[in-house]
């Protein structure tokens, strides 16, 4: 519902819901450090399906369905250069320049005709938003199903303890 472009400045890890929030932005600037994670989708490691329309947003970010599936099913995290290669960020710069670059991008856009920009943003978002509400409902239902399982919490414990999680198999309960 925001009528102006939203620019994300990813200086550090936007993980899980934070990554989904970043994907909901119109433009994204990331850090170019090859060992610094900027986007991560750890849902599977945590024992929950993606939330906040994660799959929907990934699929509407220009990735193919199989690329989006791989990111989510393998609980991938990516650096700025990796995110740039996949088209999940528009540009990458050194960490200390990310916020300024995002600000510069927003200022450059603000010099364009406001009605034209708002119209283009509305059109782009209409396409991205097709099916989003259904995806959000599916995500909420799937997460509730995981929360009800006896093995809920094992993923969080495993991540906190820096080990692999031990989940029940697909066919139990």
C-alpha atoms as a PDB file:
ATOM      1  CA  UNK A   1       0.000   0.000   0.000  1.00  0.00           C
ATOM      2  CA  UNK A   2       3.043   2.291   0.183  1.00  0.00           C
ATOM      3  CA  UNK A   3       2.682   4.525  -2.895  1.00  0.00           C
ATOM      4  CA  UNK A   4       6.409   5.211  -3.349  1.00  0.00           C
ATOM      5  CA  UNK A   5       9.353   2.923  -4.109  1.00  0.00           C
ATOM      6  CA  UNK A   6      10.865   1.135  -1.121  1.00  0.00           C
ATOM      7  CA  UNK A   7      14.640   0.568  -1.158  1.00  0.00           C
ATOM      8  CA  UNK A   8      16.229  -2.013   1.147  1.00  0.00           C
ATOM      9  CA  UNK A   9      19.780  -1.507   2.469  1.00  0.00           C
ATOM     10  CA  UNK A  10      21.182  -4.953   3.361  1.00  0.00           C
ATOM     11  CA  UNK A  11      24.296  -4.393   5.442  1.00  0.00           C
ATOM     12  CA  UNK A  12      24.041  -7.684   7.292  1.00  0.00           C
ATOM     13  CA  UNK A  13      21.997 -10.833   7.371  1.00  0.00           C
ATOM     14  CA  UNK A  14      18.304 -10.488   6.590  1.00  0.00           C
ATOM     15  CA  UNK A  15      17.264 -13.971   7.672  1.00  0.00           C
ATOM     16  CA  UNK A  16      13.893 -15.687   7.472  1.00  0.00           C
ATOM     17  CA  UNK A  17      11.161 -13.112   7.875  1.00  0.00           C
ATOM     18  CA  UNK A  18      13.767 -10.379   7.369  1.00  0.00           C
ATOM     19  CA  UNK A  19      14.678 -11.852   3.982  1.00  0.00           C
ATOM     20  CA  UNK A  20      10.998 -11.986   3.038  1.00  0.00           C
ATOM     21  CA  UNK A  21      10.605  -8.360   4.070  1.00  0.00           C
ATOM     22  CA  UNK A  22      13.627  -7.439   1.936  1.00  0.00           C
ATOM     23  CA  UNK A  23      12.111  -9.293  -1.051  1.00  0.00           C
ATOM     24  CA  UNK A  24       8.937  -7.242  -0.629  1.00  0.00           C
ATOM     25  CA  UNK A  25      10.983  -4.083  -1.292  1.00  0.00           C
ATOM     26  CA  UNK A  26      11.128  -2.646  -4.795  1.00  0.00           C
ATOM     27  CA  UNK A  27      14.916  -2.319  -4.913  1.00  0.00           C
ATOM     28  CA  UNK A  28      17.689  -3.856  -2.812  1.00  0.00           C
ATOM     29  CA  UNK A  29      21.281  -2.810  -2.195  1.00  0.00           C
ATOM     30  CA  UNK A  30      23.559  -5.388  -0.595  1.00  0.00           C
ATOM     31  CA  UNK A  31      27.015  -5.623   0.883  1.00  0.00           C
ATOM     32  CA  UNK A  32      29.703  -6.877  -1.505  1.00  0.00           C
ATOM     33  CA  UNK A  33      31.811  -8.728   1.074  1.00  0.00           C
ATOM     34  CA  UNK A  34      32.166 -12.336  -0.152  1.00  0.00           C
ATOM     35  CA  UNK A  35      31.880 -13.806   3.350  1.00  0.00           C
ATOM     36  CA  UNK A  36      28.976 -11.671   4.641  1.00  0.00           C
ATOM     37  CA  UNK A  37      25.491 -13.149   4.384  1.00  0.00           C
ATOM     38  CA  UNK A  38      22.860 -10.648   3.217  1.00  0.00           C
ATOM     39  CA  UNK A  39      19.835 -12.929   2.609  1.00  0.00           C
ATOM     40  CA  UNK A  40      18.980 -16.225   4.264  1.00  0.00           C
ATOM     41  CA  UNK A  41      16.031 -18.573   4.222  1.00  0.00           C
ATOM     42  CA  UNK A  42      16.707 -20.949   7.171  1.00  0.00           C
ATOM     43  CA  UNK A  43      13.094 -22.063   7.581  1.00  0.00           C
ATOM     44  CA  UNK A  44      13.740 -25.754   6.870  1.00  0.00           C
ATOM     45  CA  UNK A  45      16.610 -25.854   9.371  1.00  0.00           C
ATOM     46  CA  UNK A  46      14.341 -24.306  11.981  1.00  0.00           C
ATOM     47  CA  UNK A  47      11.597 -26.833  11.402  1.00  0.00           C
ATOM     48  CA  UNK A  48       9.023 -24.514   9.863  1.00  0.00           C
ATOM     49  CA  UNK A  49       7.947 -23.793   6.293  1.00  0.00           C
ATOM     50  CA  UNK A  50       8.689 -20.381   4.869  1.00  0.00           C
ATOM     51  CA  UNK A  51       6.444 -17.643   6.119  1.00  0.00           C
ATOM     52  CA  UNK A  52       5.507 -14.161   5.019  1.00  0.00           C
ATOM     53  CA  UNK A  53       5.021 -15.313   1.432  1.00  0.00           C
ATOM     54  CA  UNK A  54       8.664 -16.401   1.099  1.00  0.00           C
ATOM     55  CA  UNK A  55       8.153 -18.801  -1.797  1.00  0.00           C
ATOM     56  CA  UNK A  56       5.744 -16.422  -3.524  1.00  0.00           C
ATOM     57  CA  UNK A  57       8.178 -13.509  -3.222  1.00  0.00           C
ATOM     58  CA  UNK A  58      11.132 -15.597  -4.398  1.00  0.00           C
ATOM     59  CA  UNK A  59       9.164 -16.811  -7.420  1.00  0.00           C
ATOM     60  CA  UNK A  60       8.161 -13.246  -8.266  1.00  0.00           C
ATOM     61  CA  UNK A  61      11.702 -11.928  -7.911  1.00  0.00           C
ATOM     62  CA  UNK A  62      12.743 -13.353 -11.255  1.00  0.00           C
ATOM     63  CA  UNK A  63      13.929 -16.741 -10.043  1.00  0.00           C
ATOM     64  CA  UNK A  64      12.630 -19.897 -11.636  1.00  0.00           C
ATOM     65  CA  UNK A  65      10.455 -22.176  -9.524  1.00  0.00           C
ATOM     66  CA  UNK A  66      13.292 -24.687  -9.209  1.00  0.00           C
ATOM     67  CA  UNK A  67      15.724 -21.983  -8.041  1.00  0.00           C
ATOM     68  CA  UNK A  68      13.233 -20.757  -5.439  1.00  0.00           C
ATOM     69  CA  UNK A  69      12.557 -24.338  -4.344  1.00  0.00           C
ATOM     70  CA  UNK A  70      16.271 -25.028  -3.935  1.00  0.00           C
ATOM     71  CA  UNK A  71      16.819 -21.918  -1.837  1.00  0.00           C
ATOM     72  CA  UNK A  72      13.939 -22.785   0.482  1.00  0.00           C
ATOM     73  CA  UNK A  73      14.310 -26.573   0.642  1.00  0.00           C
ATOM     74  CA  UNK A  74      18.047 -26.406   1.295  1.00  0.00           C
ATOM     75  CA  UNK A  75      17.638 -23.470   3.713  1.00  0.00           C
ATOM     76  CA  UNK A  76      20.202 -21.453   1.785  1.00  0.00           C
ATOM     77  CA  UNK A  77      21.841 -18.228   2.794  1.00  0.00           C
ATOM     78  CA  UNK A  78      23.671 -16.048   0.314  1.00  0.00           C
ATOM     79  CA  UNK A  79      26.247 -13.307   0.187  1.00  0.00           C
ATOM     80  CA  UNK A  80      25.767 -10.062  -1.681  1.00  0.00           C
ATOM     81  CA  UNK A  81      27.640 -11.311  -4.769  1.00  0.00           C
ATOM     82  CA  UNK A  82      25.538 -14.504  -4.795  1.00  0.00           C
ATOM     83  CA  UNK A  83      22.307 -12.521  -4.377  1.00  0.00           C
ATOM     84  CA  UNK A  84      23.383 -10.180  -7.193  1.00  0.00           C
ATOM     85  CA  UNK A  85      24.074 -13.127  -9.502  1.00  0.00           C
ATOM     86  CA  UNK A  86      20.555 -14.444  -8.824  1.00  0.00           C
ATOM     87  CA  UNK A  87      18.999 -10.997  -9.285  1.00  0.00           C
ATOM     88  CA  UNK A  88      17.834 -10.748  -5.664  1.00  0.00           C
ATOM     89  CA  UNK A  89      19.693  -7.460  -5.143  1.00  0.00           C
ATOM     90  CA  UNK A  90      20.098  -4.635  -7.659  1.00  0.00           C
ATOM     91  CA  UNK A  91      23.637  -3.724  -6.726  1.00  0.00           C
ATOM     92  CA  UNK A  92      26.338  -4.426  -4.190  1.00  0.00           C
ATOM     93  CA  UNK A  93      28.793  -2.031  -2.584  1.00  0.00           C
ATOM     94  CA  UNK A  94      31.175  -2.117   0.406  1.00  0.00           C
ATOM     95  CA  UNK A  95      29.338  -2.514   3.715  1.00  0.00           C
ATOM     96  CA  UNK A  96      30.017   1.037   4.880  1.00  0.00           C
ATOM     97  CA  UNK A  97      28.466   2.405   1.655  1.00  0.00           C
ATOM     98  CA  UNK A  98      25.260   0.312   1.542  1.00  0.00           C
ATOM     99  CA  UNK A  99      22.993   2.815   3.310  1.00  0.00           C
ATOM    100  CA  UNK A 100      24.363   5.753   1.324  1.00  0.00           C
ATOM    101  CA  UNK A 101      23.923   3.843  -1.938  1.00  0.00           C
ATOM    102  CA  UNK A 102      20.324   2.993  -1.035  1.00  0.00           C
ATOM    103  CA  UNK A 103      19.720   6.660  -0.133  1.00  0.00           C
ATOM    104  CA  UNK A 104      21.296   7.795  -3.422  1.00  0.00           C
ATOM    105  CA  UNK A 105      19.101   5.375  -5.335  1.00  0.00           C
ATOM    106  CA  UNK A 106      15.996   6.721  -3.592  1.00  0.00           C
ATOM    107  CA  UNK A 107      17.077  10.311  -4.245  1.00  0.00           C
ATOM    108  CA  UNK A 108      17.681   9.559  -7.926  1.00  0.00           C
ATOM    109  CA  UNK A 109      14.192   8.059  -8.210  1.00  0.00           C
ATOM    110  CA  UNK A 110      12.702  11.088  -6.412  1.00  0.00           C
ATOM    111  CA  UNK A 111      13.902  13.313  -9.258  1.00  0.00           C
ATOM    112  CA  UNK A 112      11.652  11.477 -11.715  1.00  0.00           C
ATOM    113  CA  UNK A 113       8.024  12.341 -12.408  1.00  0.00           C
ATOM    114  CA  UNK A 114       6.070  11.301  -9.271  1.00  0.00           C
ATOM    115  CA  UNK A 115       2.893  10.179 -11.047  1.00  0.00           C
ATOM    116  CA  UNK A 116       4.890   8.095 -13.515  1.00  0.00           C
ATOM    117  CA  UNK A 117       6.922   6.454 -10.733  1.00  0.00           C
ATOM    118  CA  UNK A 118       3.845   5.756  -8.588  1.00  0.00           C
ATOM    119  CA  UNK A 119       2.014   4.314 -11.578  1.00  0.00           C
ATOM    120  CA  UNK A 120       4.913   2.006 -12.436  1.00  0.00           C
ATOM    121  CA  UNK A 121       5.280   0.906  -8.809  1.00  0.00           C
ATOM    122  CA  UNK A 122       1.563   0.166  -8.597  1.00  0.00           C
ATOM    123  CA  UNK A 123       1.697  -1.909 -11.796  1.00  0.00           C
ATOM    124  CA  UNK A 124       4.774  -3.843 -10.671  1.00  0.00           C
ATOM    125  CA  UNK A 125       3.245  -4.576  -7.294  1.00  0.00           C
ATOM    126  CA  UNK A 126      -0.087  -5.652  -8.770  1.00  0.00           C
ATOM    127  CA  UNK A 127       1.743  -8.391 -10.656  1.00  0.00           C
ATOM    128  CA  UNK A 128       3.787  -9.406  -7.607  1.00  0.00           C
ATOM    129  CA  UNK A 129       0.740  -9.333  -5.341  1.00  0.00           C
ATOM    130  CA  UNK A 130      -1.308 -11.745  -7.479  1.00  0.00           C
ATOM    131  CA  UNK A 131      -1.834 -14.730  -5.221  1.00  0.00           C
ATOM    132  CA  UNK A 132       0.065 -13.203  -2.292  1.00  0.00           C
ATOM    133  CA  UNK A 133      -2.864 -13.338   0.134  1.00  0.00           C
ATOM    134  CA  UNK A 134      -3.429 -17.014  -0.660  1.00  0.00           C
ATOM    135  CA  UNK A 135       0.297 -17.670  -0.187  1.00  0.00           C
ATOM    136  CA  UNK A 136       0.236 -15.892   3.182  1.00  0.00           C
ATOM    137  CA  UNK A 137      -2.719 -18.013   4.304  1.00  0.00           C
ATOM    138  CA  UNK A 138      -0.996 -21.221   3.137  1.00  0.00           C
ATOM    139  CA  UNK A 139       2.190 -20.205   4.944  1.00  0.00           C
ATOM    140  CA  UNK A 140       0.327 -19.468   8.184  1.00  0.00           C
ATOM    141  CA  UNK A 141      -1.544 -22.787   8.021  1.00  0.00           C
ATOM    142  CA  UNK A 142       1.626 -24.765   7.269  1.00  0.00           C
ATOM    143  CA  UNK A 143       3.511 -23.073  10.091  1.00  0.00           C
ATOM    144  CA  UNK A 144       0.665 -23.826  12.512  1.00  0.00           C
ATOM    145  CA  UNK A 145       0.842 -27.481  11.490  1.00  0.00           C
ATOM    146  CA  UNK A 146       4.573 -27.539  12.252  1.00  0.00           C
ATOM    147  CA  UNK A 147       4.087 -25.804  15.593  1.00  0.00           C
ATOM    148  CA  UNK A 148       1.655 -28.564  16.574  1.00  0.00           C
ATOM    149  CA  UNK A 149       4.189 -31.333  15.985  1.00  0.00           C
ATOM    150  CA  UNK A 150       6.096 -32.947  18.827  1.00  0.00           C
ATOM    151  CA  UNK A 151       9.413 -32.179  17.130  1.00  0.00           C
ATOM    152  CA  UNK A 152       8.673 -28.431  17.061  1.00  0.00           C
ATOM    153  CA  UNK A 153      11.594 -26.563  18.571  1.00  0.00           C
ATOM    154  CA  UNK A 154      14.276 -29.085  17.628  1.00  0.00           C
ATOM    155  CA  UNK A 155      15.384 -26.932  14.711  1.00  0.00           C
ATOM    156  CA  UNK A 156      15.742 -23.833  16.864  1.00  0.00           C
ATOM    157  CA  UNK A 157      17.676 -25.806  19.463  1.00  0.00           C
ATOM    158  CA  UNK A 158      19.956 -27.275  16.808  1.00  0.00           C
ATOM    159  CA  UNK A 159      20.731 -23.891  15.266  1.00  0.00           C
ATOM    160  CA  UNK A 160      21.441 -22.400  18.698  1.00  0.00           C
ATOM    161  CA  UNK A 161      23.746 -25.341  19.483  1.00  0.00           C
ATOM    162  CA  UNK A 162      25.362 -25.234  16.005  1.00  0.00           C
ATOM    163  CA  UNK A 163      24.446 -28.808  15.099  1.00  0.00           C
ATOM    164  CA  UNK A 164      22.135 -30.628  12.698  1.00  0.00           C
ATOM    165  CA  UNK A 165      18.525 -30.999  13.810  1.00  0.00           C
ATOM    166  CA  UNK A 166      16.988 -34.407  14.432  1.00  0.00           C
ATOM    167  CA  UNK A 167      13.439 -34.229  13.084  1.00  0.00           C
ATOM    168  CA  UNK A 168      10.862 -37.003  12.981  1.00  0.00           C
ATOM    169  CA  UNK A 169      10.494 -38.505   9.515  1.00  0.00           C
ATOM    170  CA  UNK A 170       7.850 -37.329   7.052  1.00  0.00           C
ATOM    171  CA  UNK A 171       5.457 -40.138   7.864  1.00  0.00           C
ATOM    172  CA  UNK A 172       5.344 -39.891  11.627  1.00  0.00           C
ATOM    173  CA  UNK A 173       2.426 -38.159  13.316  1.00  0.00           C
END
